Amino acid sequence: MKRNLPRRVSVGIGLALLVAACKPTVPSKYLQPDEMVDILYDLQLTQAIAQAGYGNKVGYDRNVYYLAVLDKYGVTTAEMDSSMVYYYTHADALAGIYSKVADRLEEQAQAFDNTANPISRFAQLSENGDTANIWRERQNVLLLPMPPYNRLEFEIKADTAFKVGDSFQMNFMSNFVYQNGTKDATAFIAVEYEKDSVACFHTNIVMSGVTEFRIPANDTLRIKRLRGFLYLDRGNDESQTLKLWFANNIQLIRFHRTKTDPAQHAIADTVAQQHPSGRQPSTQAVPAVSGMSISNSFVGKRPVQNRALPASQQ
């Protein structure tokens, strides 16, 4: 047995080298995955800073910060463009970058308590109580306008904590990192009730900032589950330039309707419907219809058949 040990070791080393040699690598003329992770992470942070500006200066600041990040890493816009084209066509490499950027955003969100953020008022909620955060997926996602990375699906099954008359509000911070093209993302939620009734709601996101998406209560039917997705549309622009949408600090808040203080629920409704820009978000609803399926309930140009990114790659 001892005489065979060196041979086994050499065979093992040979197999390891063979596996390493067969592993696909990114051509040297493109930005390497670790470089892309660093650049995209910094772009997310700087673009969020630029969005905090006002008026016409926001667009100028976003472009300045974009060029500043590229300059920090010694990268030209042409190199960034060609690298994005490459990664758009190599799903495995893109999935790895996607996962690492999302993980770093998650760490950053947990380490930084932004009390000025309107979403922070629900940040400490648990899954229990009259007002609870029932979101169980990751809090930060990055979507690109190409399947399967243009869509995040979720499902929340009702438990004994759900009550008739519950209402909901989905909150998140949006940040578009685009070189050009129309920004168009969608949040969609279908609420399935007993007796096979479904009510569908969606809102479009076309600019960076806070999104507060309200789902009104049904006073007669018990909820079975909520299903939905976040989706990034490519629009009419078929170019392969940089187009990313970050949805950060995602929350799904459930509100119980209290009998002791009905005014409290009315105030919550009013606050939830307010928009940072002073106008109400473009939320559209489809009333509950018996037997309606989710796949047929979302009307518009956005396909619903694109599969979600597997949990292991999110």
Foldseek 3Di string as FASTA:
>chain_A
DVVCVVVVVVVVVVVVVVVVVPDDADDPLADGLVRLLVLVLQLQVQLVVLVPDDDPSSVVSSVVSNVVSCVVVVHDLVRQLVNLVVCLVVPVSVLQSQQSNQVVLLVVPVVDQDPVAPLNVQVPADCADQKHWQDDARFKGKADADPPRFKDKDKFFDDPRFDAFKKKKKKWWKGKNFPDDWWWKKKKKWWAWPLQKIKIKMFIDGHTGMDIAIGGGHRPTTTGMMIIMIGTHRPPDPRSRDIMMMIGRITMMMHHQDPVCNVVVVVVVVVSQADPVRDGTPMDMDDIDHNDDPLPPDDDDDHPPGDYDDSVSD
